[in-house]
Protein backbone atom coordinates (compact mmCIF):
# COMPACT_ATOMS: atom_id res chain seq x y z
CA MET A 1 -51.65 -9.45 215.89
CA ALA A 2 -52.75 -9.77 219.54
CA TYR A 3 -56.24 -10.78 218.37
CA TYR A 4 -54.74 -13.46 216.13
CA THR A 5 -52.54 -14.75 218.96
CA ASN A 6 -55.49 -14.93 221.35
CA PHE A 7 -57.57 -16.70 218.72
CA ILE A 8 -54.85 -19.31 218.18
CA SER A 9 -54.53 -19.78 221.96
CA ILE A 10 -58.26 -20.41 222.24
CA ILE A 11 -58.14 -22.95 219.41
CA ILE A 12 -55.24 -24.78 221.10
CA LEU A 13 -57.08 -24.78 224.44
CA VAL A 14 -60.25 -26.18 222.86
CA GLN A 15 -58.25 -28.87 221.07
CA PHE A 16 -56.51 -29.74 224.34
CA LEU A 17 -59.82 -30.07 226.21
CA LEU A 18 -61.28 -32.22 223.46
CA LEU A 19 -58.18 -34.41 223.51
CA MET A 20 -58.39 -34.78 227.29
CA SER A 21 -62.07 -35.67 227.08
CA THR A 22 -61.39 -38.26 224.40
CA THR A 23 -58.47 -39.68 226.38
CA LEU A 24 -60.51 -40.02 229.56
CA ALA A 25 -63.44 -41.57 227.75
CA GLY A 26 -61.07 -43.98 226.04
CA LYS A 27 -59.71 -45.28 229.34
CA VAL A 28 -63.20 -45.73 230.79
CA PRO A 29 -65.65 -46.09 227.88
CA ALA A 30 -68.72 -46.46 230.10
CA ILE A 31 -70.00 -46.32 233.67
CA ILE A 32 -72.00 -49.39 234.72
CA VAL A 33 -73.96 -49.09 237.95
CA PHE A 34 -75.42 -51.59 240.41
CA GLY A 35 -76.99 -50.76 243.75
CA ASP A 36 -79.72 -48.97 245.66
CA SER A 37 -81.29 -45.49 245.88
CA SER A 38 -77.88 -43.86 246.30
CA VAL A 39 -77.32 -44.60 242.60
CA ASP A 40 -80.76 -45.45 241.15
CA ALA A 41 -81.36 -43.28 238.08
CA GLY A 42 -85.04 -44.23 237.79
CA ASN A 43 -85.44 -47.98 237.44
CA ASN A 44 -88.06 -48.05 240.19
CA ASN A 45 -90.30 -45.92 237.97
CA GLN A 46 -91.01 -49.01 235.92
CA ILE A 47 -91.87 -51.48 238.69
CA SER A 48 -94.76 -51.85 241.14
CA THR A 49 -93.40 -50.38 244.37
CA VAL A 50 -94.23 -47.49 246.66
CA LEU A 51 -90.58 -46.45 246.66
CA LYS A 52 -90.49 -43.96 243.80
CA SER A 53 -89.32 -40.38 243.25
CA ASN A 54 -90.46 -39.56 239.71
CA PHE A 55 -92.45 -36.51 240.79
CA GLU A 56 -91.78 -32.99 242.04
CA PRO A 57 -89.95 -31.68 243.97
CA TYR A 58 -87.48 -34.47 243.14
CA GLY A 59 -85.37 -33.45 240.19
CA ARG A 60 -86.13 -29.75 240.51
CA ASP A 61 -82.41 -28.96 240.00
CA PHE A 62 -81.85 -31.67 237.37
CA TYR A 63 -81.73 -30.89 233.64
CA ASP A 64 -85.00 -29.25 232.55
CA LYS A 65 -86.15 -29.56 236.19
CA LYS A 66 -87.10 -33.14 235.40
CA PRO A 67 -88.00 -35.66 238.15
CA THR A 68 -86.31 -38.75 236.74
CA GLY A 69 -86.66 -41.15 239.65
CA ARG A 70 -83.35 -40.14 241.22
CA PHE A 71 -83.76 -39.68 244.96
CA CYS A 72 -82.28 -36.22 244.85
CA ASN A 73 -83.04 -32.66 243.82
CA GLY A 74 -80.48 -33.06 241.02
CA ARG A 75 -77.75 -35.48 240.06
CA ILE A 76 -76.41 -38.51 241.89
CA PRO A 77 -72.76 -39.72 242.09
CA PRO A 78 -72.66 -41.86 238.92
CA ASP A 79 -73.78 -38.80 236.92
CA PHE A 80 -70.92 -36.66 238.23
CA ILE A 81 -68.42 -39.52 237.91
CA SER A 82 -69.47 -40.15 234.31
CA GLU A 83 -68.88 -36.49 233.52
CA GLY A 84 -65.55 -36.62 235.34
CA PHE A 85 -64.36 -39.33 232.96
CA GLY A 86 -65.27 -37.21 229.94
CA LEU A 87 -68.49 -39.10 229.28
CA ARG A 88 -72.11 -37.97 229.28
CA PRO A 89 -73.10 -35.90 232.40
CA PHE A 90 -75.65 -38.49 233.50
CA VAL A 91 -76.08 -42.28 233.48
CA PRO A 92 -79.53 -43.44 232.29
CA ALA A 93 -81.65 -46.12 233.97
CA TYR A 94 -81.76 -49.43 232.11
CA LEU A 95 -85.55 -49.71 232.40
CA ASP A 96 -86.20 -46.16 231.17
CA PRO A 97 -88.06 -46.62 227.85
CA THR A 98 -86.73 -43.34 226.46
CA TYR A 99 -83.24 -44.85 226.14
CA ASP A 100 -81.90 -47.82 224.21
CA ILE A 101 -78.69 -49.76 223.72
CA SER A 102 -77.11 -46.92 221.74
CA ASP A 103 -77.38 -44.81 224.91
CA PHE A 104 -76.41 -47.60 227.29
CA ALA A 105 -73.18 -48.29 225.39
CA GLU A 106 -71.74 -45.22 227.17
CA GLY A 107 -73.22 -45.92 230.57
CA VAL A 108 -76.12 -47.73 232.19
CA CYS A 109 -77.69 -47.98 235.62
CA PHE A 110 -79.30 -51.20 236.91
CA ALA A 111 -79.76 -49.95 240.49
CA SER A 112 -83.05 -50.11 242.38
CA ALA A 113 -83.93 -47.93 245.37
CA GLY A 114 -84.61 -49.98 248.49
CA THR A 115 -82.61 -53.04 247.51
CA GLY A 116 -79.64 -54.66 249.25
CA TYR A 117 -77.07 -57.42 249.11
CA ASP A 118 -79.60 -59.63 250.91
CA ASN A 119 -82.58 -60.72 248.82
CA ALA A 120 -84.75 -60.30 251.92
CA THR A 121 -84.03 -56.56 251.79
CA SER A 122 -85.57 -56.14 248.35
CA ASP A 123 -88.70 -57.95 249.56
CA VAL A 124 -89.43 -55.24 252.15
CA LEU A 125 -90.63 -52.72 249.54
CA ASP A 126 -90.97 -55.00 246.51
CA VAL A 127 -88.02 -53.61 244.59
CA ILE A 128 -85.49 -55.16 242.22
CA PRO A 129 -83.20 -57.65 244.01
CA LEU A 130 -79.51 -57.64 243.25
CA TRP A 131 -79.73 -60.96 241.41
CA LYS A 132 -82.27 -59.39 239.04
CA GLU A 133 -79.97 -56.42 238.44
CA LEU A 134 -77.42 -59.02 237.36
CA GLU A 135 -79.94 -60.62 234.99
CA TYR A 136 -80.51 -57.20 233.39
CA TYR A 137 -76.74 -56.89 233.01
CA LYS A 138 -76.57 -60.22 231.17
CA GLU A 139 -79.30 -59.02 228.83
CA TYR A 140 -77.39 -55.76 228.37
CA LYS A 141 -74.26 -57.68 227.39
CA ARG A 142 -76.15 -59.58 224.70
CA ASN A 143 -77.70 -56.39 223.33
CA LEU A 144 -74.35 -54.60 223.42
CA LYS A 145 -72.70 -57.36 221.39
CA ALA A 146 -75.46 -57.16 218.79
CA TYR A 147 -75.20 -53.36 218.66
CA ALA A 148 -71.45 -52.72 218.80
CA GLY A 149 -70.03 -55.99 217.56
CA LYS A 150 -68.17 -58.65 219.51
CA LYS A 151 -64.79 -56.89 219.68
CA LYS A 152 -66.10 -53.45 220.71
CA ALA A 153 -68.56 -54.94 223.20
CA LYS A 154 -65.79 -56.96 224.83
CA TYR A 155 -63.69 -53.80 225.13
CA ILE A 156 -66.53 -51.83 226.73
CA ILE A 157 -67.30 -54.61 229.22
CA LYS A 158 -63.65 -54.98 230.23
CA GLU A 159 -62.63 -51.32 230.41
CA SER A 160 -65.79 -49.80 231.93
CA LEU A 161 -65.92 -48.67 235.54
CA TYR A 162 -68.41 -50.71 237.57
CA ILE A 163 -69.90 -48.80 240.49
CA VAL A 164 -71.48 -50.96 243.20
CA SER A 165 -73.23 -48.84 245.85
CA ILE A 166 -75.38 -50.87 248.22
CA GLY A 167 -75.74 -52.05 251.81
CA THR A 168 -77.45 -49.34 253.87
CA ASN A 169 -80.91 -50.82 253.35
CA ASP A 170 -79.70 -54.22 254.51
CA PHE A 171 -79.32 -52.70 257.96
CA LEU A 172 -81.93 -49.95 258.22
CA GLU A 173 -84.78 -51.51 256.21
CA ASN A 174 -84.00 -55.13 256.98
CA TYR A 175 -81.93 -56.12 260.01
CA TYR A 176 -83.00 -53.28 262.33
CA SER A 177 -86.65 -53.23 261.28
CA MET A 178 -89.30 -54.46 263.72
CA GLN A 179 -90.40 -57.21 261.30
CA SER A 180 -86.87 -58.49 260.66
CA ARG A 181 -86.31 -62.23 260.37
CA ARG A 182 -82.58 -61.71 260.03
CA ALA A 183 -82.23 -60.31 263.56
CA SER A 184 -83.46 -63.63 264.94
CA GLN A 185 -81.14 -65.57 262.63
CA PHE A 186 -77.93 -63.58 263.00
CA THR A 187 -76.09 -61.49 265.55
CA GLU A 188 -74.90 -58.13 264.20
CA ASP A 189 -71.43 -59.53 263.55
CA GLN A 190 -72.85 -62.62 261.85
CA PHE A 191 -75.10 -60.51 259.64
CA GLN A 192 -72.15 -58.41 258.56
CA GLU A 193 -70.20 -61.57 257.68
CA PHE A 194 -73.25 -62.77 255.75
CA LEU A 195 -73.41 -59.53 253.75
CA LEU A 196 -69.67 -59.60 253.12
CA ARG A 197 -69.98 -63.06 251.56
CA LEU A 198 -72.80 -61.79 249.36
CA ALA A 199 -70.67 -58.79 248.32
CA GLN A 200 -67.77 -61.10 247.47
CA ASN A 201 -69.99 -63.42 245.46
CA PHE A 202 -71.40 -60.49 243.50
CA VAL A 203 -67.96 -59.19 242.58
CA LEU A 204 -66.90 -62.68 241.54
CA GLN A 205 -69.98 -62.96 239.31
CA ILE A 206 -69.37 -59.73 237.42
CA TYR A 207 -65.64 -60.49 237.27
CA HIS A 208 -66.33 -63.80 235.54
CA MET A 209 -68.61 -61.94 233.13
CA GLY A 210 -65.81 -59.59 232.11
CA ALA A 211 -65.70 -56.74 234.66
CA ARG A 212 -62.21 -55.64 235.69
CA LYS A 213 -62.50 -52.09 237.09
CA ILE A 214 -64.83 -52.25 240.08
CA SER A 215 -65.69 -49.76 242.80
CA LEU A 216 -67.25 -51.01 246.03
CA THR A 217 -68.93 -48.18 247.93
CA GLY A 218 -68.79 -48.15 251.71
CA LEU A 219 -71.65 -47.41 254.06
CA PRO A 220 -72.37 -43.79 255.05
CA PRO A 221 -72.69 -42.66 258.69
CA MET A 222 -76.20 -44.09 258.60
CA GLY A 223 -76.94 -43.18 262.18
CA CYS A 224 -76.78 -39.51 261.17
CA LEU A 225 -79.44 -39.67 258.46
CA PRO A 226 -82.25 -37.23 259.40
CA LEU A 227 -84.72 -40.12 259.66
CA GLU A 228 -82.52 -41.95 262.17
CA ARG A 229 -81.85 -38.76 264.15
CA ALA A 230 -85.57 -38.08 264.36
CA THR A 231 -86.25 -41.66 265.43
CA ASN A 232 -83.46 -41.37 268.00
CA SER A 233 -85.12 -38.25 269.41
CA ILE A 234 -88.55 -39.86 269.66
CA SER A 235 -87.10 -42.86 271.48
CA GLY A 236 -85.68 -40.51 274.13
CA ASN A 237 -82.03 -40.90 273.18
CA GLY A 238 -81.50 -37.25 272.30
CA ASP A 239 -81.56 -35.54 268.91
CA GLY A 240 -78.06 -36.53 267.85
CA CYS A 241 -76.81 -39.34 265.64
CA ASN A 242 -77.45 -42.98 266.44
CA GLU A 243 -73.87 -43.93 267.26
CA LYS A 244 -74.66 -47.63 267.35
CA TYR A 245 -75.59 -47.52 263.67
CA ASN A 246 -72.53 -45.41 262.87
CA ASN A 247 -70.24 -47.89 264.62
CA VAL A 248 -71.78 -50.76 262.65
CA ALA A 249 -71.20 -48.81 259.42
CA LYS A 250 -67.56 -48.16 260.33
CA HIS A 251 -66.99 -51.80 261.22
CA PHE A 252 -68.57 -53.03 258.01
CA ASN A 253 -66.48 -50.57 256.01
CA VAL A 254 -63.32 -52.04 257.54
CA MET A 255 -64.51 -55.46 256.44
CA LEU A 256 -65.22 -54.19 252.92
CA GLY A 257 -61.76 -52.67 252.75
CA GLY A 258 -60.28 -56.04 253.65
CA LEU A 259 -62.40 -57.73 250.99
CA VAL A 260 -61.15 -55.27 248.37
CA GLN A 261 -57.55 -56.07 249.29
CA ARG A 262 -58.14 -59.83 249.07
CA LEU A 263 -59.91 -59.59 245.72
CA ASN A 264 -57.05 -57.59 244.24
CA GLU A 265 -54.57 -60.20 245.46
CA GLU A 266 -56.52 -63.25 244.32
CA LEU A 267 -58.15 -62.33 240.99
CA PRO A 268 -55.84 -61.86 237.99
CA GLY A 269 -56.29 -58.59 236.12
CA ILE A 270 -58.87 -57.10 238.48
CA ARG A 271 -58.65 -53.61 239.99
CA VAL A 272 -61.12 -53.14 242.81
CA VAL A 273 -61.21 -49.85 244.69
CA PHE A 274 -62.95 -49.03 247.95
CA ALA A 275 -65.05 -45.86 247.60
CA ASP A 276 -65.26 -44.79 251.23
CA ALA A 277 -66.80 -41.35 251.84
CA TYR A 278 -67.87 -42.06 255.43
CA ASN A 279 -65.56 -39.53 257.06
CA LEU A 280 -66.19 -36.88 254.42
CA LEU A 281 -69.96 -37.03 254.86
CA LEU A 282 -69.58 -37.10 258.63
CA GLN A 283 -67.48 -33.93 258.44
CA MET A 284 -70.17 -32.25 256.35
CA ILE A 285 -72.76 -33.24 258.95
CA ARG A 286 -70.68 -32.06 261.91
CA LYS A 287 -69.23 -28.92 260.34
CA PRO A 288 -71.60 -28.01 257.49
CA SER A 289 -70.37 -24.42 257.21
CA SER A 290 -66.91 -25.69 256.22
CA TYR A 291 -68.49 -27.01 253.02
CA GLY A 292 -70.85 -24.12 252.34
CA PHE A 293 -73.91 -25.66 254.02
CA GLN A 294 -76.16 -24.17 256.68
CA VAL A 295 -78.24 -27.19 257.74
CA ALA A 296 -77.20 -30.80 258.36
CA SER A 297 -79.51 -32.16 261.05
CA ILE A 298 -82.70 -32.06 258.98
CA ALA A 299 -83.43 -32.37 255.26
CA CYS A 300 -84.68 -29.88 252.71
CA CYS A 301 -87.93 -31.64 251.90
CA GLY A 302 -90.93 -31.14 254.19
CA THR A 303 -90.12 -31.00 257.90
CA GLY A 304 -86.81 -32.64 257.04
CA LEU A 305 -87.37 -35.36 259.62
CA PHE A 306 -89.28 -38.24 258.07
CA GLU A 307 -90.17 -37.34 254.48
CA MET A 308 -88.95 -39.58 251.67
CA GLY A 309 -90.58 -40.80 248.46
CA TYR A 310 -94.29 -39.98 248.29
CA LEU A 311 -94.11 -38.13 251.62
CA CYS A 312 -91.79 -35.67 249.91
CA ASP A 313 -94.20 -34.00 247.49
CA ARG A 314 -94.42 -30.63 245.78
CA LEU A 315 -97.42 -29.56 247.86
CA ASN A 316 -95.53 -29.66 251.16
CA PRO A 317 -95.21 -25.99 252.17
CA LEU A 318 -92.21 -26.63 254.44
CA THR A 319 -89.80 -27.74 251.69
CA CYS A 320 -86.79 -25.43 251.49
CA THR A 321 -86.28 -23.07 248.57
CA ASP A 322 -82.51 -23.54 248.27
CA ALA A 323 -81.28 -27.13 248.54
CA ASN A 324 -77.66 -25.96 248.32
CA LYS A 325 -77.90 -24.89 251.95
CA PHE A 326 -78.70 -28.46 253.04
CA VAL A 327 -76.55 -31.57 253.29
CA PHE A 328 -79.66 -33.76 252.96
CA TRP A 329 -82.41 -33.54 250.38
CA ASP A 330 -84.92 -35.89 252.02
CA ALA A 331 -84.74 -37.81 255.28
CA PHE A 332 -82.61 -40.54 253.72
CA HIS A 333 -80.75 -39.01 250.76
CA VAL A 334 -78.28 -36.18 250.25
CA THR A 335 -78.57 -33.16 247.96
CA ASP A 336 -77.08 -32.61 244.53
CA LYS A 337 -74.42 -30.39 246.10
CA THR A 338 -73.42 -33.07 248.61
CA ASN A 339 -73.24 -35.65 245.80
CA LEU A 340 -70.98 -33.31 243.85
CA ILE A 341 -68.59 -32.87 246.78
CA ILE A 342 -68.46 -36.63 247.41
CA SER A 343 -67.98 -37.43 243.71
CA ASP A 344 -65.20 -34.86 243.37
CA PHE A 345 -63.46 -36.44 246.37
CA LEU A 346 -63.77 -39.92 244.87
CA MET A 347 -62.48 -38.77 241.48
CA LYS A 348 -59.37 -37.25 243.10
CA HIS A 349 -58.62 -39.89 245.73
CA VAL A 350 -60.13 -43.19 244.55
CA PHE A 351 -60.64 -43.22 240.79
CA GLN A 352 -57.45 -41.38 239.84
CA GLN A 353 -55.80 -44.69 238.92
CA PHE A 354 -58.36 -45.11 236.12
CA LEU A 355 -57.75 -41.68 234.62
């Protein structure tokens, strides 16, 4: 009798979990991603650029230890967020030839590592500009309509969660670079206003194409990236974070938060959320042991100071054996574990209204 009761309980639990998964997936039928390397699932693999990560040790903790082009040892936030909504546990890159519209109907990534709101940012490393990501999205919409039918495609476009994660490269690879034209054209405050207008225009564009649930991601404490800390040390400013860059990130995040509020007030039917993990990541960097980490000042790959992309290769003998001990995977990007913590925070505190 006890065996029968336990068996029935298990059946009920399984049915409940399946129901929950179906319910979540129904509220958000797909995850649609725009942005840079923080969310690029491998689109840069298919273009002519030096900024790639489709080789070991990237992806060593991904499914089948596969280097997909994600700038991480494992999964990135859209993957965890997709799973959190009861969808597939990863979001495929739109340019990946192993996937087609039947896969993209449940989630698709248009992001390109190295890009920014500013078209000049994408020119630095010859990556996909944001306007081109939008062109791919238009093509996706046409293909989705042909695949799923007009009614279902309209539902997917309207009810999907749009993740927009971009902006760090506009500052670090563009404005603050030695070859920057923007620094001679704009003051820091003017450049931030310029980027904010571009962010607003982008949201308006996808809104007019049917998007209604949109997440704008804030900047991280970019002065604490291992690359910036190493550069800070070389310049004689100590081995700590570049507080100037952090202050710029905080200021820009305040501006983004204001933009989110205005968009929600002005655009009928839209729900824009501000995905701000600045303080959470800063806490992980300052008190790594509180989150189960041992190292936050340098990255797992190579020396942990400058390596990213092709400089982070499988032959580097200094690469760590356990990325879970590190906040950062390479000198610019965080580990799978850090992405999981951030994504879990966003699911509980930002995306809960979509559940």
